[in-house]
Amino acid sequence: MIVGVGIDVVEIDRFEQKLADTPQMRDRLFTPSERDLPIRSLAARFAAKEALSKALGAPPGMSWQDAEVDKNSDGQPYFRTGGTVQARMSALDVDALHLSLTHDGGIASAVCIAEG
């Protein structure tokens, strides 16, 4: 059963400028293994985390550090979750997250489906 769906779109150049203007943002938004990725990948991961938040009902207090986007051996993106994100998933009886990312034409976007 689908518990929630989230989508987000990020303008890559604008996102890059925001990170340049606010350097501490990179540490707040991304885990250590995500931080040094190319800007288009960071923008897509930010969109993914926003989409995840929306799929889980955008509760206050979720930490960006508790959701990390990784890729499996086939290159398919997925979330590693813990802490506040995992707690929210448990509260909603979410046992699977489905994630799709793309970046093209200066835009990064993500869709997340929470399934229970």
C-alpha atoms as a PDB file:
ATOM      1  CA  MET A   1       0.000   0.000   0.000  1.00  0.00           C
ATOM      2  CA  ILE A   2       1.285   3.469  -0.864  1.00  0.00           C
ATOM      3  CA  VAL A   3       1.630   5.576   2.282  1.00  0.00           C
ATOM      4  CA  GLY A   4       2.944   8.724   0.593  1.00  0.00           C
ATOM      5  CA  VAL A   5       4.404  10.227  -2.561  1.00  0.00           C
ATOM      6  CA  GLY A   6       6.818  13.138  -2.785  1.00  0.00           C
ATOM      7  CA  ILE A   7       8.377  15.023  -5.672  1.00  0.00           C
ATOM      8  CA  ASP A   8      10.853  17.877  -5.827  1.00  0.00           C
ATOM      9  CA  VAL A   9      12.619  19.908  -8.518  1.00  0.00           C
ATOM     10  CA  VAL A  10      15.858  21.894  -8.049  1.00  0.00           C
ATOM     11  CA  GLU A  11      17.433  24.422 -10.401  1.00  0.00           C
ATOM     12  CA  ILE A  12      21.072  23.289 -10.369  1.00  0.00           C
ATOM     13  CA  ASP A  13      22.721  26.720 -10.910  1.00  0.00           C
ATOM     14  CA  ARG A  14      20.594  28.329  -8.197  1.00  0.00           C
ATOM     15  CA  PHE A  15      21.378  25.459  -5.810  1.00  0.00           C
ATOM     16  CA  GLU A  16      25.107  25.772  -6.541  1.00  0.00           C
ATOM     17  CA  GLN A  17      24.965  29.501  -5.778  1.00  0.00           C
ATOM     18  CA  LYS A  18      23.117  28.854  -2.512  1.00  0.00           C
ATOM     19  CA  LEU A  19      25.815  26.376  -1.428  1.00  0.00           C
ATOM     20  CA  ALA A  20      28.517  28.914  -2.335  1.00  0.00           C
ATOM     21  CA  ASP A  21      26.736  31.677  -0.385  1.00  0.00           C
ATOM     22  CA  THR A  22      26.130  29.458   2.662  1.00  0.00           C
ATOM     23  CA  PRO A  23      29.044  26.979   2.978  1.00  0.00           C
ATOM     24  CA  GLN A  24      27.734  25.356   6.186  1.00  0.00           C
ATOM     25  CA  MET A  25      24.671  24.244   4.232  1.00  0.00           C
ATOM     26  CA  ARG A  26      26.645  21.444   2.553  1.00  0.00           C
ATOM     27  CA  ASP A  27      27.472  19.907   5.955  1.00  0.00           C
ATOM     28  CA  ARG A  28      23.908  20.302   7.204  1.00  0.00           C
ATOM     29  CA  LEU A  29      22.232  18.787   4.121  1.00  0.00           C
ATOM     30  CA  PHE A  30      24.592  15.992   3.158  1.00  0.00           C
ATOM     31  CA  THR A  31      26.353  13.095   4.823  1.00  0.00           C
ATOM     32  CA  PRO A  32      30.169  12.929   4.591  1.00  0.00           C
ATOM     33  CA  SER A  33      30.025  10.433   1.705  1.00  0.00           C
ATOM     34  CA  GLU A  34      27.685  12.714  -0.282  1.00  0.00           C
ATOM     35  CA  ARG A  35      29.407  16.085   0.212  1.00  0.00           C
ATOM     36  CA  ASP A  36      32.085  15.874  -2.486  1.00  0.00           C
ATOM     37  CA  LEU A  37      29.849  14.703  -5.332  1.00  0.00           C
ATOM     38  CA  PRO A  38      29.402  16.862  -8.448  1.00  0.00           C
ATOM     39  CA  ILE A  39      26.882  19.678  -8.081  1.00  0.00           C
ATOM     40  CA  ARG A  40      24.265  17.998 -10.322  1.00  0.00           C
ATOM     41  CA  SER A  41      24.395  14.921  -8.068  1.00  0.00           C
ATOM     42  CA  LEU A  42      24.109  17.054  -4.934  1.00  0.00           C
ATOM     43  CA  ALA A  43      21.111  18.876  -6.397  1.00  0.00           C
ATOM     44  CA  ALA A  44      19.445  15.537  -7.222  1.00  0.00           C
ATOM     45  CA  ARG A  45      20.148  14.244  -3.706  1.00  0.00           C
ATOM     46  CA  PHE A  46      18.705  17.401  -2.185  1.00  0.00           C
ATOM     47  CA  ALA A  47      15.592  16.922  -4.340  1.00  0.00           C
ATOM     48  CA  ALA A  48      15.464  13.294  -3.167  1.00  0.00           C
ATOM     49  CA  LYS A  49      15.579  14.277   0.496  1.00  0.00           C
ATOM     50  CA  GLU A  50      12.860  16.885  -0.063  1.00  0.00           C
ATOM     51  CA  ALA A  51      10.744  14.290  -1.902  1.00  0.00           C
ATOM     52  CA  LEU A  52      11.290  11.831   0.958  1.00  0.00           C
ATOM     53  CA  SER A  53      10.190  14.415   3.498  1.00  0.00           C
ATOM     54  CA  LYS A  54       7.019  15.064   1.489  1.00  0.00           C
ATOM     55  CA  ALA A  55       6.312  11.338   1.116  1.00  0.00           C
ATOM     56  CA  LEU A  56       6.548  11.021   4.914  1.00  0.00           C
ATOM     57  CA  GLY A  57       4.221  13.955   5.534  1.00  0.00           C
ATOM     58  CA  ALA A  58       6.934  16.619   6.012  1.00  0.00           C
ATOM     59  CA  PRO A  59       7.140  16.214   9.790  1.00  0.00           C
ATOM     60  CA  PRO A  60       9.177  18.771  11.751  1.00  0.00           C
ATOM     61  CA  GLY A  61      12.433  17.640  13.283  1.00  0.00           C
ATOM     62  CA  MET A  62      13.647  15.177  10.652  1.00  0.00           C
ATOM     63  CA  SER A  63      17.413  15.393  10.188  1.00  0.00           C
ATOM     64  CA  TRP A  64      18.905  15.609   6.695  1.00  0.00           C
ATOM     65  CA  GLN A  65      21.768  13.474   8.031  1.00  0.00           C
ATOM     66  CA  ASP A  66      19.355  10.582   8.657  1.00  0.00           C
ATOM     67  CA  ALA A  67      18.738  10.019   4.941  1.00  0.00           C
ATOM     68  CA  GLU A  68      21.583   9.250   2.569  1.00  0.00           C
ATOM     69  CA  VAL A  69      21.192   8.563  -1.136  1.00  0.00           C
ATOM     70  CA  ASP A  70      23.350   5.752  -2.471  1.00  0.00           C
ATOM     71  CA  LYS A  71      23.344   3.606  -5.621  1.00  0.00           C
ATOM     72  CA  ASN A  72      23.186  -0.168  -5.913  1.00  0.00           C
ATOM     73  CA  SER A  73      25.437  -2.176  -8.245  1.00  0.00           C
ATOM     74  CA  ASP A  74      23.060  -1.474 -11.153  1.00  0.00           C
ATOM     75  CA  GLY A  75      23.251   2.286 -10.540  1.00  0.00           C
ATOM     76  CA  GLN A  76      19.733   2.509  -9.136  1.00  0.00           C
ATOM     77  CA  PRO A  77      19.434   5.088  -6.334  1.00  0.00           C
ATOM     78  CA  TYR A  78      18.101   4.169  -2.915  1.00  0.00           C
ATOM     79  CA  PHE A  79      17.945   5.627   0.585  1.00  0.00           C
ATOM     80  CA  ARG A  80      19.944   4.556   3.614  1.00  0.00           C
ATOM     81  CA  THR A  81      17.887   5.736   6.581  1.00  0.00           C
ATOM     82  CA  GLY A  82      18.343   5.986  10.305  1.00  0.00           C
ATOM     83  CA  GLY A  83      17.452   8.107  13.318  1.00  0.00           C
ATOM     84  CA  THR A  84      14.614  10.567  12.802  1.00  0.00           C
ATOM     85  CA  VAL A  85      13.773   9.337   9.299  1.00  0.00           C
ATOM     86  CA  GLN A  86      13.609   5.707  10.369  1.00  0.00           C
ATOM     87  CA  ALA A  87      11.461   6.693  13.366  1.00  0.00           C
ATOM     88  CA  ARG A  88       8.986   8.471  11.083  1.00  0.00           C
ATOM     89  CA  MET A  89       8.933   5.497   8.712  1.00  0.00           C
ATOM     90  CA  SER A  90       8.172   3.200  11.648  1.00  0.00           C
ATOM     91  CA  ALA A  91       5.393   5.493  12.889  1.00  0.00           C
ATOM     92  CA  LEU A  92       3.762   5.330   9.449  1.00  0.00           C
ATOM     93  CA  ASP A  93       4.462   1.589   8.995  1.00  0.00           C
ATOM     94  CA  VAL A  94       6.612   2.329   5.930  1.00  0.00           C
ATOM     95  CA  ASP A  95       8.758  -0.661   5.052  1.00  0.00           C
ATOM     96  CA  ALA A  96       9.977   0.327   1.573  1.00  0.00           C
ATOM     97  CA  LEU A  97      11.044   3.509  -0.187  1.00  0.00           C
ATOM     98  CA  HIS A  98      11.191   3.811  -3.964  1.00  0.00           C
ATOM     99  CA  LEU A  99      13.350   6.557  -5.445  1.00  0.00           C
ATOM    100  CA  SER A 100      13.895   7.952  -8.923  1.00  0.00           C
ATOM    101  CA  LEU A 101      16.365  10.758  -9.724  1.00  0.00           C
ATOM    102  CA  THR A 102      17.182  12.709 -12.856  1.00  0.00           C
ATOM    103  CA  HIS A 103      19.165  15.765 -13.874  1.00  0.00           C
ATOM    104  CA  ASP A 104      19.093  17.372 -17.293  1.00  0.00           C
ATOM    105  CA  GLY A 105      18.796  20.825 -18.797  1.00  0.00           C
ATOM    106  CA  GLY A 106      19.896  22.555 -15.607  1.00  0.00           C
ATOM    107  CA  ILE A 107      17.217  20.881 -13.481  1.00  0.00           C
ATOM    108  CA  ALA A 108      17.487  18.021 -10.965  1.00  0.00           C
ATOM    109  CA  SER A 109      14.375  16.225  -9.825  1.00  0.00           C
ATOM    110  CA  ALA A 110      13.361  13.316  -7.653  1.00  0.00           C
ATOM    111  CA  VAL A 111      10.301  11.240  -6.890  1.00  0.00           C
ATOM    112  CA  CYS A 112       9.937   9.164  -3.734  1.00  0.00           C
ATOM    113  CA  ILE A 113       7.202   6.656  -2.953  1.00  0.00           C
ATOM    114  CA  ALA A 114       6.778   5.403   0.607  1.00  0.00           C
ATOM    115  CA  GLU A 115       5.232   1.952   0.760  1.00  0.00           C
ATOM    116  CA  GLY A 116       3.818   0.092   3.754  1.00  0.00           C
END
